[in-house]
Amino acid sequence: MASPCSVLQTSLAAFGELCQRPNPNPRDLQSGFLAVQQAFQQQILPLGDDDGLDRATLQPLLTEMNRMLRLMAMDVAFLQTARQPMTQQQRQRQLLTKLEQFGSFATTLQQAVDRS
């Protein structure tokens, strides 16, 4: 069985590939984002309740990841509604930046889980 962090990393990688495509399909973006969100909610959030993990380290990280997911949801929605190519590119860059930040949080989380 795959570790919770690897499930999230797999979803992130697939979503990242979608986001980097020129003119990504809005439905594909939405479904890719939902896969990341679902992996986070089902695999990662329960780690905060695990007695074997350091909650003082984990809770702020989970909170920040959750916040970043909400911001990415807004970026996905804005990208889907953008009509001008320049606006689409700007929204896509913003989404990719947040996705990179989320990925770094996921890596930090993986390291925290591995240490426990």
N, C-alpha and C. Protein backbone atom coordinates (compact mmCIF):
# COMPACT_ATOMS: atom_id res chain seq x y z
N MET A 1 0.83 -1.18 0.00
CA MET A 1 0.00 0.00 0.00
C MET A 1 0.88 1.25 0.00
N ALA A 2 0.52 2.24 -0.79
CA ALA A 2 1.30 3.46 -0.92
C ALA A 2 1.13 4.33 0.32
N SER A 3 2.21 5.05 0.65
CA SER A 3 2.14 5.95 1.81
C SER A 3 1.25 7.15 1.46
N PRO A 4 0.65 7.77 2.47
CA PRO A 4 -0.22 8.92 2.22
C PRO A 4 0.49 10.03 1.45
N CYS A 5 1.73 10.28 1.78
CA CYS A 5 2.47 11.35 1.11
C CYS A 5 2.76 11.01 -0.35
N SER A 6 3.00 9.73 -0.64
CA SER A 6 3.26 9.36 -2.04
C SER A 6 1.99 9.45 -2.88
N VAL A 7 0.84 9.18 -2.28
CA VAL A 7 -0.44 9.33 -2.99
C VAL A 7 -0.63 10.81 -3.36
N LEU A 8 -0.34 11.69 -2.40
CA LEU A 8 -0.46 13.12 -2.66
C LEU A 8 0.54 13.57 -3.72
N GLN A 9 1.78 13.09 -3.62
CA GLN A 9 2.81 13.47 -4.60
C GLN A 9 2.44 13.03 -6.00
N THR A 10 1.84 11.85 -6.14
CA THR A 10 1.40 11.36 -7.44
C THR A 10 0.32 12.26 -8.02
N SER A 11 -0.64 12.64 -7.20
CA SER A 11 -1.71 13.54 -7.64
C SER A 11 -1.15 14.91 -8.03
N LEU A 12 -0.19 15.39 -7.23
CA LEU A 12 0.43 16.68 -7.52
C LEU A 12 1.19 16.66 -8.85
N ALA A 13 1.90 15.57 -9.09
CA ALA A 13 2.66 15.47 -10.34
C ALA A 13 1.73 15.47 -11.55
N ALA A 14 0.65 14.73 -11.46
CA ALA A 14 -0.31 14.68 -12.58
C ALA A 14 -0.96 16.05 -12.79
N PHE A 15 -1.32 16.71 -11.71
CA PHE A 15 -1.93 18.04 -11.81
C PHE A 15 -0.92 19.05 -12.35
N GLY A 16 0.32 18.94 -11.92
CA GLY A 16 1.37 19.84 -12.41
C GLY A 16 1.57 19.72 -13.90
N GLU A 17 1.52 18.50 -14.41
CA GLU A 17 1.63 18.30 -15.86
C GLU A 17 0.49 18.97 -16.60
N LEU A 18 -0.72 18.84 -16.06
CA LEU A 18 -1.87 19.50 -16.68
C LEU A 18 -1.70 21.02 -16.69
N CYS A 19 -1.23 21.56 -15.60
CA CYS A 19 -1.09 23.01 -15.46
C CYS A 19 -0.03 23.59 -16.38
N GLN A 20 0.95 22.79 -16.76
CA GLN A 20 2.02 23.28 -17.60
C GLN A 20 1.69 23.24 -19.09
N ARG A 21 0.64 22.57 -19.44
CA ARG A 21 0.25 22.52 -20.85
C ARG A 21 -0.21 23.89 -21.33
N PRO A 22 0.10 24.21 -22.59
CA PRO A 22 -0.47 25.45 -23.12
C PRO A 22 -1.97 25.27 -23.31
N ASN A 23 -2.73 26.23 -22.88
CA ASN A 23 -4.19 26.19 -22.97
C ASN A 23 -4.78 24.89 -22.40
N PRO A 24 -4.59 24.66 -21.12
CA PRO A 24 -5.12 23.42 -20.53
C PRO A 24 -6.65 23.40 -20.56
N ASN A 25 -7.18 22.21 -20.75
CA ASN A 25 -8.63 22.02 -20.78
C ASN A 25 -9.19 22.31 -19.39
N PRO A 26 -10.18 23.21 -19.28
CA PRO A 26 -10.74 23.55 -17.97
C PRO A 26 -11.29 22.36 -17.19
N ARG A 27 -11.91 21.42 -17.88
CA ARG A 27 -12.45 20.25 -17.18
C ARG A 27 -11.34 19.36 -16.64
N ASP A 28 -10.28 19.23 -17.42
CA ASP A 28 -9.13 18.45 -16.96
C ASP A 28 -8.48 19.10 -15.75
N LEU A 29 -8.37 20.44 -15.81
CA LEU A 29 -7.82 21.17 -14.67
C LEU A 29 -8.65 20.94 -13.41
N GLN A 30 -9.95 21.04 -13.57
CA GLN A 30 -10.84 20.87 -12.42
C GLN A 30 -10.73 19.47 -11.84
N SER A 31 -10.73 18.46 -12.70
CA SER A 31 -10.65 17.09 -12.20
C SER A 31 -9.28 16.80 -11.60
N GLY A 32 -8.22 17.37 -12.18
CA GLY A 32 -6.88 17.20 -11.61
C GLY A 32 -6.76 17.85 -10.25
N PHE A 33 -7.33 19.04 -10.13
CA PHE A 33 -7.29 19.73 -8.84
C PHE A 33 -8.10 18.95 -7.80
N LEU A 34 -9.25 18.45 -8.19
CA LEU A 34 -10.09 17.68 -7.25
C LEU A 34 -9.37 16.43 -6.78
N ALA A 35 -8.56 15.82 -7.64
CA ALA A 35 -7.79 14.64 -7.24
C ALA A 35 -6.76 15.01 -6.16
N VAL A 36 -6.11 16.17 -6.32
CA VAL A 36 -5.15 16.64 -5.32
C VAL A 36 -5.87 16.94 -4.01
N GLN A 37 -6.99 17.63 -4.12
CA GLN A 37 -7.76 18.00 -2.93
C GLN A 37 -8.25 16.75 -2.19
N GLN A 38 -8.73 15.77 -2.93
CA GLN A 38 -9.21 14.54 -2.32
C GLN A 38 -8.07 13.77 -1.65
N ALA A 39 -6.91 13.71 -2.31
CA ALA A 39 -5.76 13.02 -1.72
C ALA A 39 -5.35 13.71 -0.42
N PHE A 40 -5.38 15.03 -0.41
CA PHE A 40 -5.03 15.77 0.80
C PHE A 40 -6.02 15.48 1.91
N GLN A 41 -7.30 15.56 1.60
CA GLN A 41 -8.32 15.39 2.63
C GLN A 41 -8.38 13.96 3.17
N GLN A 42 -8.21 12.99 2.29
CA GLN A 42 -8.36 11.60 2.71
C GLN A 42 -7.07 10.97 3.24
N GLN A 43 -5.93 11.41 2.70
CA GLN A 43 -4.67 10.77 3.07
C GLN A 43 -3.83 11.58 4.05
N ILE A 44 -3.84 12.90 3.91
CA ILE A 44 -2.92 13.74 4.67
C ILE A 44 -3.55 14.29 5.95
N LEU A 45 -4.75 14.82 5.87
CA LEU A 45 -5.37 15.39 7.06
C LEU A 45 -5.47 14.41 8.22
N PRO A 46 -5.77 13.14 7.99
CA PRO A 46 -5.80 12.19 9.12
C PRO A 46 -4.45 12.02 9.83
N LEU A 47 -3.35 12.40 9.17
CA LEU A 47 -2.05 12.31 9.83
C LEU A 47 -1.98 13.21 11.05
N GLY A 48 -2.75 14.30 11.06
CA GLY A 48 -2.77 15.20 12.20
C GLY A 48 -3.33 14.56 13.45
N ASP A 49 -4.07 13.47 13.29
CA ASP A 49 -4.65 12.77 14.43
C ASP A 49 -3.80 11.58 14.88
N ASP A 50 -2.73 11.29 14.14
CA ASP A 50 -1.87 10.16 14.44
C ASP A 50 -1.03 10.47 15.68
N ASP A 51 -1.12 9.63 16.69
CA ASP A 51 -0.40 9.86 17.94
C ASP A 51 1.11 9.72 17.78
N GLY A 52 1.55 9.01 16.77
CA GLY A 52 2.98 8.80 16.58
C GLY A 52 3.69 9.99 15.96
N LEU A 53 2.96 10.96 15.46
CA LEU A 53 3.57 12.10 14.80
C LEU A 53 3.57 13.33 15.70
N ASP A 54 4.55 14.18 15.50
CA ASP A 54 4.69 15.40 16.29
C ASP A 54 3.67 16.43 15.82
N ARG A 55 2.65 16.65 16.61
CA ARG A 55 1.58 17.58 16.23
C ARG A 55 2.06 19.02 16.16
N ALA A 56 3.03 19.38 16.97
CA ALA A 56 3.53 20.75 16.96
C ALA A 56 4.17 21.09 15.62
N THR A 57 4.77 20.11 14.99
CA THR A 57 5.38 20.30 13.67
C THR A 57 4.33 20.16 12.58
N LEU A 58 3.46 19.19 12.75
CA LEU A 58 2.52 18.83 11.70
C LEU A 58 1.36 19.81 11.53
N GLN A 59 0.79 20.27 12.61
CA GLN A 59 -0.43 21.09 12.52
C GLN A 59 -0.24 22.38 11.73
N PRO A 60 0.83 23.16 11.98
CA PRO A 60 0.99 24.37 11.17
C PRO A 60 1.19 24.07 9.69
N LEU A 61 1.87 22.98 9.42
CA LEU A 61 2.09 22.57 8.03
C LEU A 61 0.79 22.18 7.35
N LEU A 62 -0.04 21.41 8.05
CA LEU A 62 -1.34 21.02 7.49
C LEU A 62 -2.24 22.23 7.29
N THR A 63 -2.19 23.16 8.21
CA THR A 63 -2.99 24.38 8.10
C THR A 63 -2.57 25.18 6.87
N GLU A 64 -1.27 25.32 6.67
CA GLU A 64 -0.76 26.08 5.53
C GLU A 64 -1.08 25.38 4.22
N MET A 65 -0.99 24.06 4.20
CA MET A 65 -1.32 23.30 3.00
C MET A 65 -2.80 23.45 2.66
N ASN A 66 -3.64 23.43 3.67
CA ASN A 66 -5.07 23.59 3.46
C ASN A 66 -5.37 24.99 2.90
N ARG A 67 -4.70 26.00 3.44
CA ARG A 67 -4.86 27.37 2.95
C ARG A 67 -4.42 27.47 1.49
N MET A 68 -3.29 26.84 1.18
CA MET A 68 -2.77 26.87 -0.18
C MET A 68 -3.73 26.17 -1.15
N LEU A 69 -4.37 25.10 -0.71
CA LEU A 69 -5.35 24.42 -1.55
C LEU A 69 -6.54 25.33 -1.87
N ARG A 70 -6.99 26.09 -0.88
CA ARG A 70 -8.10 27.01 -1.12
C ARG A 70 -7.70 28.09 -2.14
N LEU A 71 -6.47 28.58 -2.03
CA LEU A 71 -5.99 29.57 -2.99
C LEU A 71 -5.87 28.97 -4.40
N MET A 72 -5.40 27.73 -4.48
CA MET A 72 -5.30 27.07 -5.78
C MET A 72 -6.68 26.86 -6.39
N ALA A 73 -7.67 26.57 -5.55
CA ALA A 73 -9.04 26.40 -6.07
C ALA A 73 -9.51 27.69 -6.73
N MET A 74 -9.18 28.81 -6.11
CA MET A 74 -9.54 30.11 -6.70
C MET A 74 -8.81 30.32 -8.03
N ASP A 75 -7.54 29.97 -8.06
CA ASP A 75 -6.77 30.13 -9.29
C ASP A 75 -7.30 29.25 -10.42
N VAL A 76 -7.71 28.04 -10.07
CA VAL A 76 -8.29 27.15 -11.08
C VAL A 76 -9.57 27.77 -11.63
N ALA A 77 -10.42 28.28 -10.74
CA ALA A 77 -11.66 28.91 -11.17
C ALA A 77 -11.39 30.14 -12.04
N PHE A 78 -10.43 30.97 -11.64
CA PHE A 78 -10.09 32.15 -12.43
C PHE A 78 -9.52 31.77 -13.79
N LEU A 79 -8.69 30.73 -13.81
CA LEU A 79 -8.11 30.28 -15.08
C LEU A 79 -9.20 29.76 -16.01
N GLN A 80 -10.17 29.07 -15.46
CA GLN A 80 -11.26 28.53 -16.27
C GLN A 80 -12.09 29.64 -16.90
N THR A 81 -12.21 30.78 -16.23
CA THR A 81 -13.06 31.85 -16.74
C THR A 81 -12.28 32.89 -17.55
N ALA A 82 -10.96 32.82 -17.55
CA ALA A 82 -10.16 33.78 -18.30
C ALA A 82 -10.36 33.57 -19.80
N ARG A 83 -10.56 34.65 -20.52
CA ARG A 83 -10.80 34.56 -21.96
C ARG A 83 -9.63 35.10 -22.78
N GLN A 84 -8.96 36.12 -22.27
CA GLN A 84 -7.83 36.71 -22.98
C GLN A 84 -6.59 35.85 -22.79
N PRO A 85 -5.83 35.59 -23.86
CA PRO A 85 -4.62 34.76 -23.73
C PRO A 85 -3.64 35.28 -22.68
N MET A 86 -3.49 36.59 -22.60
CA MET A 86 -2.55 37.15 -21.63
C MET A 86 -3.03 36.88 -20.19
N THR A 87 -4.32 37.00 -19.97
CA THR A 87 -4.89 36.72 -18.65
C THR A 87 -4.76 35.25 -18.32
N GLN A 88 -5.00 34.39 -19.30
CA GLN A 88 -4.85 32.95 -19.09
C GLN A 88 -3.43 32.60 -18.68
N GLN A 89 -2.45 33.20 -19.36
CA GLN A 89 -1.05 32.93 -19.04
C GLN A 89 -0.71 33.40 -17.64
N GLN A 90 -1.22 34.57 -17.28
CA GLN A 90 -0.97 35.11 -15.95
C GLN A 90 -1.57 34.20 -14.88
N ARG A 91 -2.81 33.78 -15.08
CA ARG A 91 -3.47 32.89 -14.12
C ARG A 91 -2.75 31.55 -14.03
N GLN A 92 -2.29 31.07 -15.17
CA GLN A 92 -1.58 29.80 -15.20
C GLN A 92 -0.27 29.90 -14.43
N ARG A 93 0.46 31.01 -14.58
CA ARG A 93 1.70 31.21 -13.83
C ARG A 93 1.42 31.28 -12.33
N GLN A 94 0.35 31.98 -11.96
CA GLN A 94 0.00 32.07 -10.54
C GLN A 94 -0.32 30.70 -9.96
N LEU A 95 -1.05 29.90 -10.71
CA LEU A 95 -1.39 28.55 -10.27
C LEU A 95 -0.14 27.69 -10.13
N LEU A 96 0.76 27.79 -11.09
CA LEU A 96 2.00 27.01 -11.03
C LEU A 96 2.86 27.41 -9.84
N THR A 97 2.89 28.69 -9.52
CA THR A 97 3.65 29.16 -8.36
C THR A 97 3.09 28.56 -7.08
N LYS A 98 1.78 28.59 -6.94
CA LYS A 98 1.15 28.02 -5.74
C LYS A 98 1.34 26.51 -5.70
N LEU A 99 1.30 25.89 -6.85
CA LEU A 99 1.50 24.45 -6.92
C LEU A 99 2.92 24.08 -6.47
N GLU A 100 3.90 24.87 -6.86
CA GLU A 100 5.28 24.64 -6.41
C GLU A 100 5.39 24.80 -4.90
N GLN A 101 4.75 25.83 -4.35
CA GLN A 101 4.77 26.04 -2.91
C GLN A 101 4.11 24.86 -2.19
N PHE A 102 2.98 24.42 -2.71
CA PHE A 102 2.28 23.28 -2.11
C PHE A 102 3.17 22.04 -2.17
N GLY A 103 3.86 21.86 -3.29
CA GLY A 103 4.78 20.73 -3.43
C GLY A 103 5.90 20.76 -2.41
N SER A 104 6.41 21.96 -2.13
CA SER A 104 7.47 22.06 -1.12
C SER A 104 6.92 21.75 0.28
N PHE A 105 5.68 22.14 0.54
CA PHE A 105 5.05 21.77 1.82
C PHE A 105 4.89 20.25 1.90
N ALA A 106 4.51 19.64 0.79
CA ALA A 106 4.33 18.19 0.77
C ALA A 106 5.66 17.48 1.03
N THR A 107 6.75 18.01 0.48
CA THR A 107 8.07 17.43 0.72
C THR A 107 8.46 17.57 2.19
N THR A 108 8.19 18.72 2.78
CA THR A 108 8.47 18.94 4.19
C THR A 108 7.65 17.98 5.05
N LEU A 109 6.41 17.80 4.66
CA LEU A 109 5.53 16.87 5.37
C LEU A 109 6.09 15.45 5.30
N GLN A 110 6.53 15.05 4.12
CA GLN A 110 7.10 13.71 3.94
C GLN A 110 8.30 13.52 4.87
N GLN A 111 9.14 14.55 4.95
CA GLN A 111 10.31 14.47 5.83
C GLN A 111 9.91 14.35 7.29
N ALA A 112 8.89 15.10 7.69
CA ALA A 112 8.41 15.03 9.08
C ALA A 112 7.84 13.65 9.39
N VAL A 113 7.12 13.08 8.45
CA VAL A 113 6.54 11.75 8.65
C VAL A 113 7.64 10.69 8.71
N ASP A 114 8.65 10.84 7.86
CA ASP A 114 9.76 9.89 7.84
C ASP A 114 10.56 9.89 9.14
N ARG A 115 10.67 11.07 9.78
CA ARG A 115 11.42 11.18 11.02
C ARG A 115 10.68 10.55 12.20
N SER A 116 9.38 10.44 12.08
CA SER A 116 8.58 9.93 13.21
C SER A 116 8.61 8.42 13.29
